[in-house]
Amino acid sequence: MLSWALVFLVVALIAGALGLSGVAGVATDIAWILFVVGLVVAVVLFITGRRPL
């Protein structure tokens, strides 16, 4: 999930450099959401002692 967040972050950076502000904003929002979800899942797995799938 964090890898997808990184992909969307790169898309946002490229779109921002090309002047596509709408696409960059959406990609940044998606990257942020995926990052937060990935972090929450990682913390839950750490607390429960389970290994990632």
PDB file of N, CA and C in Angstrom:
ATOM      1  N   MET A   1       0.822  -1.177   0.000  1.00  0.00           N
ATOM      2  CA  MET A   1       0.000   0.000   0.000  1.00  0.00           C
ATOM      3  C   MET A   1       0.876   1.255   0.000  1.00  0.00           C
ATOM      4  N   LEU A   2       1.977   1.196   0.725  1.00  0.00           N
ATOM      5  CA  LEU A   2       2.868   2.345   0.729  1.00  0.00           C
ATOM      6  C   LEU A   2       3.530   2.527  -0.632  1.00  0.00           C
ATOM      7  N   SER A   3       3.701   1.441  -1.362  1.00  0.00           N
ATOM      8  CA  SER A   3       4.277   1.571  -2.704  1.00  0.00           C
ATOM      9  C   SER A   3       3.315   2.307  -3.632  1.00  0.00           C
ATOM     10  N   TRP A   4       2.014   2.058  -3.485  1.00  0.00           N
ATOM     11  CA  TRP A   4       1.028   2.789  -4.289  1.00  0.00           C
ATOM     12  C   TRP A   4       1.009   4.262  -3.915  1.00  0.00           C
ATOM     13  N   ALA A   5       1.195   4.550  -2.634  1.00  0.00           N
ATOM     14  CA  ALA A   5       1.263   5.945  -2.207  1.00  0.00           C
ATOM     15  C   ALA A   5       2.451   6.638  -2.857  1.00  0.00           C
ATOM     16  N   LEU A   6       3.570   5.936  -2.943  1.00  0.00           N
ATOM     17  CA  LEU A   6       4.752   6.496  -3.594  1.00  0.00           C
ATOM     18  C   LEU A   6       4.506   6.727  -5.078  1.00  0.00           C
ATOM     19  N   VAL A   7       3.809   5.802  -5.734  1.00  0.00           N
ATOM     20  CA  VAL A   7       3.491   5.951  -7.158  1.00  0.00           C
ATOM     21  C   VAL A   7       2.628   7.189  -7.377  1.00  0.00           C
ATOM     22  N   PHE A   8       1.598   7.364  -6.566  1.00  0.00           N
ATOM     23  CA  PHE A   8       0.729   8.528  -6.722  1.00  0.00           C
ATOM     24  C   PHE A   8       1.458   9.819  -6.374  1.00  0.00           C
ATOM     25  N   LEU A   9       2.405   9.763  -5.447  1.00  0.00           N
ATOM     26  CA  LEU A   9       3.193  10.942  -5.132  1.00  0.00           C
ATOM     27  C   LEU A   9       4.063  11.348  -6.322  1.00  0.00           C
ATOM     28  N   VAL A  10       4.662  10.373  -6.979  1.00  0.00           N
ATOM     29  CA  VAL A  10       5.467  10.659  -8.171  1.00  0.00           C
ATOM     30  C   VAL A  10       4.592  11.216  -9.288  1.00  0.00           C
ATOM     31  N   VAL A  11       3.409  10.649  -9.468  1.00  0.00           N
ATOM     32  CA  VAL A  11       2.474  11.175 -10.470  1.00  0.00           C
ATOM     33  C   VAL A  11       2.109  12.615 -10.148  1.00  0.00           C
ATOM     34  N   ALA A  12       1.880  12.912  -8.871  1.00  0.00           N
ATOM     35  CA  ALA A  12       1.540  14.274  -8.472  1.00  0.00           C
ATOM     36  C   ALA A  12       2.687  15.234  -8.745  1.00  0.00           C
ATOM     37  N   LEU A  13       3.908  14.808  -8.475  1.00  0.00           N
ATOM     38  CA  LEU A  13       5.059  15.674  -8.723  1.00  0.00           C
ATOM     39  C   LEU A  13       5.236  15.949 -10.211  1.00  0.00           C
ATOM     40  N   ILE A  14       5.077  14.924 -11.031  1.00  0.00           N
ATOM     41  CA  ILE A  14       5.208  15.101 -12.485  1.00  0.00           C
ATOM     42  C   ILE A  14       4.090  15.989 -13.012  1.00  0.00           C
ATOM     43  N   ALA A  15       2.870  15.750 -12.555  1.00  0.00           N
ATOM     44  CA  ALA A  15       1.739  16.559 -13.014  1.00  0.00           C
ATOM     45  C   ALA A  15       1.898  18.009 -12.560  1.00  0.00           C
ATOM     46  N   GLY A  16       2.417  18.210 -11.371  1.00  0.00           N
ATOM     47  CA  GLY A  16       2.647  19.568 -10.885  1.00  0.00           C
ATOM     48  C   GLY A  16       3.713  20.279 -11.699  1.00  0.00           C
ATOM     49  N   ALA A  17       4.752  19.548 -12.093  1.00  0.00           N
ATOM     50  CA  ALA A  17       5.814  20.146 -12.903  1.00  0.00           C
ATOM     51  C   ALA A  17       5.305  20.505 -14.298  1.00  0.00           C
ATOM     52  N   LEU A  18       4.344  19.755 -14.801  1.00  0.00           N
ATOM     53  CA  LEU A  18       3.796  20.016 -16.128  1.00  0.00           C
ATOM     54  C   LEU A  18       2.670  21.050 -16.102  1.00  0.00           C
ATOM     55  N   GLY A  19       2.287  21.491 -14.921  1.00  0.00           N
ATOM     56  CA  GLY A  19       1.257  22.518 -14.808  1.00  0.00           C
ATOM     57  C   GLY A  19      -0.161  21.980 -14.763  1.00  0.00           C
ATOM     58  N   LEU A  20      -0.326  20.707 -14.528  1.00  0.00           N
ATOM     59  CA  LEU A  20      -1.664  20.105 -14.433  1.00  0.00           C
ATOM     60  C   LEU A  20      -2.084  20.100 -12.962  1.00  0.00           C
ATOM     61  N   SER A  21      -2.516  21.238 -12.478  1.00  0.00           N
ATOM     62  CA  SER A  21      -2.762  21.381 -11.042  1.00  0.00           C
ATOM     63  C   SER A  21      -3.909  20.499 -10.548  1.00  0.00           C
ATOM     64  N   GLY A  22      -4.932  20.304 -11.362  1.00  0.00           N
ATOM     65  CA  GLY A  22      -6.052  19.456 -10.937  1.00  0.00           C
ATOM     66  C   GLY A  22      -5.631  18.018 -10.739  1.00  0.00           C
ATOM     67  N   VAL A  23      -4.881  17.485 -11.690  1.00  0.00           N
ATOM     68  CA  VAL A  23      -4.389  16.108 -11.603  1.00  0.00           C
ATOM     69  C   VAL A  23      -3.415  15.974 -10.448  1.00  0.00           C
ATOM     70  N   ALA A  24      -2.567  16.967 -10.268  1.00  0.00           N
ATOM     71  CA  ALA A  24      -1.590  16.925  -9.181  1.00  0.00           C
ATOM     72  C   ALA A  24      -2.289  16.931  -7.821  1.00  0.00           C
ATOM     73  N   GLY A  25      -3.336  17.718  -7.694  1.00  0.00           N
ATOM     74  CA  GLY A  25      -4.072  17.771  -6.433  1.00  0.00           C
ATOM     75  C   GLY A  25      -4.750  16.462  -6.095  1.00  0.00           C
ATOM     76  N   VAL A  26      -5.371  15.862  -7.096  1.00  0.00           N
ATOM     77  CA  VAL A  26      -6.048  14.576  -6.877  1.00  0.00           C
ATOM     78  C   VAL A  26      -5.036  13.489  -6.545  1.00  0.00           C
ATOM     79  N   ALA A  27      -3.934  13.446  -7.278  1.00  0.00           N
ATOM     80  CA  ALA A  27      -2.915  12.422  -7.020  1.00  0.00           C
ATOM     81  C   ALA A  27      -2.292  12.607  -5.639  1.00  0.00           C
ATOM     82  N   THR A  28      -2.116  13.849  -5.216  1.00  0.00           N
ATOM     83  CA  THR A  28      -1.577  14.107  -3.881  1.00  0.00           C
ATOM     84  C   THR A  28      -2.544  13.645  -2.806  1.00  0.00           C
ATOM     85  N   ASP A  29      -3.827  13.895  -3.000  1.00  0.00           N
ATOM     86  CA  ASP A  29      -4.826  13.436  -2.032  1.00  0.00           C
ATOM     87  C   ASP A  29      -4.855  11.919  -1.935  1.00  0.00           C
ATOM     88  N   ILE A  30      -4.811  11.242  -3.073  1.00  0.00           N
ATOM     89  CA  ILE A  30      -4.817   9.777  -3.076  1.00  0.00           C
ATOM     90  C   ILE A  30      -3.565   9.245  -2.394  1.00  0.00           C
ATOM     91  N   ALA A  31      -2.410   9.845  -2.691  1.00  0.00           N
ATOM     92  CA  ALA A  31      -1.158   9.414  -2.069  1.00  0.00           C
ATOM     93  C   ALA A  31      -1.219   9.580  -0.557  1.00  0.00           C
ATOM     94  N   TRP A  32      -1.773  10.698  -0.101  1.00  0.00           N
ATOM     95  CA  TRP A  32      -1.868  10.949   1.335  1.00  0.00           C
ATOM     96  C   TRP A  32      -2.781   9.924   2.013  1.00  0.00           C
ATOM     97  N   ILE A  33      -3.927   9.646   1.403  1.00  0.00           N
ATOM     98  CA  ILE A  33      -4.871   8.668   1.968  1.00  0.00           C
ATOM     99  C   ILE A  33      -4.240   7.286   2.033  1.00  0.00           C
ATOM    100  N   LEU A  34      -3.583   6.855   0.952  1.00  0.00           N
ATOM    101  CA  LEU A  34      -2.945   5.543   0.947  1.00  0.00           C
ATOM    102  C   LEU A  34      -1.817   5.464   1.972  1.00  0.00           C
ATOM    103  N   PHE A  35      -1.074   6.548   2.140  1.00  0.00           N
ATOM    104  CA  PHE A  35       0.002   6.572   3.126  1.00  0.00           C
ATOM    105  C   PHE A  35      -0.551   6.406   4.536  1.00  0.00           C
ATOM    106  N   VAL A  36      -1.606   7.135   4.852  1.00  0.00           N
ATOM    107  CA  VAL A  36      -2.196   7.056   6.193  1.00  0.00           C
ATOM    108  C   VAL A  36      -2.781   5.665   6.447  1.00  0.00           C
ATOM    109  N   VAL A  37      -3.479   5.115   5.470  1.00  0.00           N
ATOM    110  CA  VAL A  37      -4.046   3.770   5.622  1.00  0.00           C
ATOM    111  C   VAL A  37      -2.932   2.738   5.802  1.00  0.00           C
ATOM    112  N   GLY A  38      -1.878   2.854   5.014  1.00  0.00           N
ATOM    113  CA  GLY A  38      -0.747   1.934   5.146  1.00  0.00           C
ATOM    114  C   GLY A  38      -0.085   2.036   6.503  1.00  0.00           C
ATOM    115  N   LEU A  39       0.039   3.246   7.015  1.00  0.00           N
ATOM    116  CA  LEU A  39       0.631   3.443   8.328  1.00  0.00           C
ATOM    117  C   LEU A  39      -0.243   2.839   9.421  1.00  0.00           C
ATOM    118  N   VAL A  40      -1.557   3.019   9.323  1.00  0.00           N
ATOM    119  CA  VAL A  40      -2.472   2.451  10.311  1.00  0.00           C
ATOM    120  C   VAL A  40      -2.400   0.928  10.284  1.00  0.00           C
ATOM    121  N   VAL A  41      -2.379   0.345   9.108  1.00  0.00           N
ATOM    122  CA  VAL A  41      -2.278  -1.118   8.997  1.00  0.00           C
ATOM    123  C   VAL A  41      -0.955  -1.606   9.583  1.00  0.00           C
ATOM    124  N   ALA A  42       0.134  -0.898   9.309  1.00  0.00           N
ATOM    125  CA  ALA A  42       1.430  -1.292   9.854  1.00  0.00           C
ATOM    126  C   ALA A  42       1.437  -1.230  11.375  1.00  0.00           C
ATOM    127  N   VAL A  43       0.833  -0.199  11.951  1.00  0.00           N
ATOM    128  CA  VAL A  43       0.783  -0.075  13.415  1.00  0.00           C
ATOM    129  C   VAL A  43      -0.072  -1.184  14.012  1.00  0.00           C
ATOM    130  N   VAL A  44      -1.202  -1.476  13.395  1.00  0.00           N
ATOM    131  CA  VAL A  44      -2.069  -2.553  13.896  1.00  0.00           C
ATOM    132  C   VAL A  44      -1.346  -3.892  13.839  1.00  0.00           C
ATOM    133  N   LEU A  45      -0.659  -4.173  12.738  1.00  0.00           N
ATOM    134  CA  LEU A  45       0.088  -5.429  12.632  1.00  0.00           C
ATOM    135  C   LEU A  45       1.226  -5.481  13.643  1.00  0.00           C
ATOM    136  N   PHE A  46       1.861  -4.352  13.915  1.00  0.00           N
ATOM    137  CA  PHE A  46       2.931  -4.310  14.901  1.00  0.00           C
ATOM    138  C   PHE A  46       2.400  -4.584  16.301  1.00  0.00           C
ATOM    139  N   ILE A  47       1.249  -4.000  16.624  1.00  0.00           N
ATOM    140  CA  ILE A  47       0.668  -4.170  17.967  1.00  0.00           C
ATOM    141  C   ILE A  47       0.204  -5.603  18.163  1.00  0.00           C
ATOM    142  N   THR A  48      -0.427  -6.192  17.137  1.00  0.00           N
ATOM    143  CA  THR A  48      -0.946  -7.557  17.294  1.00  0.00           C
ATOM    144  C   THR A  48       0.134  -8.611  17.145  1.00  0.00           C
ATOM    145  N   GLY A  49       1.322  -8.210  16.686  1.00  0.00           N
ATOM    146  CA  GLY A  49       2.422  -9.168  16.573  1.00  0.00           C
ATOM    147  C   GLY A  49       2.366 -10.014  15.317  1.00  0.00           C
ATOM    148  N   ARG A  50       1.533  -9.667  14.393  1.00  0.00           N
ATOM    149  CA  ARG A  50       1.445 -10.432  13.146  1.00  0.00           C
ATOM    150  C   ARG A  50       2.423  -9.903  12.123  1.00  0.00           C
ATOM    151  N   ARG A  51       2.845 -10.786  11.246  1.00  0.00           N
ATOM    152  CA  ARG A  51       3.738 -10.382  10.174  1.00  0.00           C
ATOM    153  C   ARG A  51       2.911  -9.950   8.986  1.00  0.00           C
ATOM    154  N   PRO A  52       3.410  -9.000   8.191  1.00  0.00           N
ATOM    155  CA  PRO A  52       2.665  -8.573   6.988  1.00  0.00           C
ATOM    156  C   PRO A  52       2.498  -9.722   6.008  1.00  0.00           C
ATOM    157  N   LEU A  53       1.421  -9.646   5.239  1.00  0.00           N
ATOM    158  CA  LEU A  53       1.145 -10.714   4.274  1.00  0.00           C
ATOM    159  C   LEU A  53       2.070 -10.650   3.112  1.00  0.00           C
TER     160      LEU A  53
END
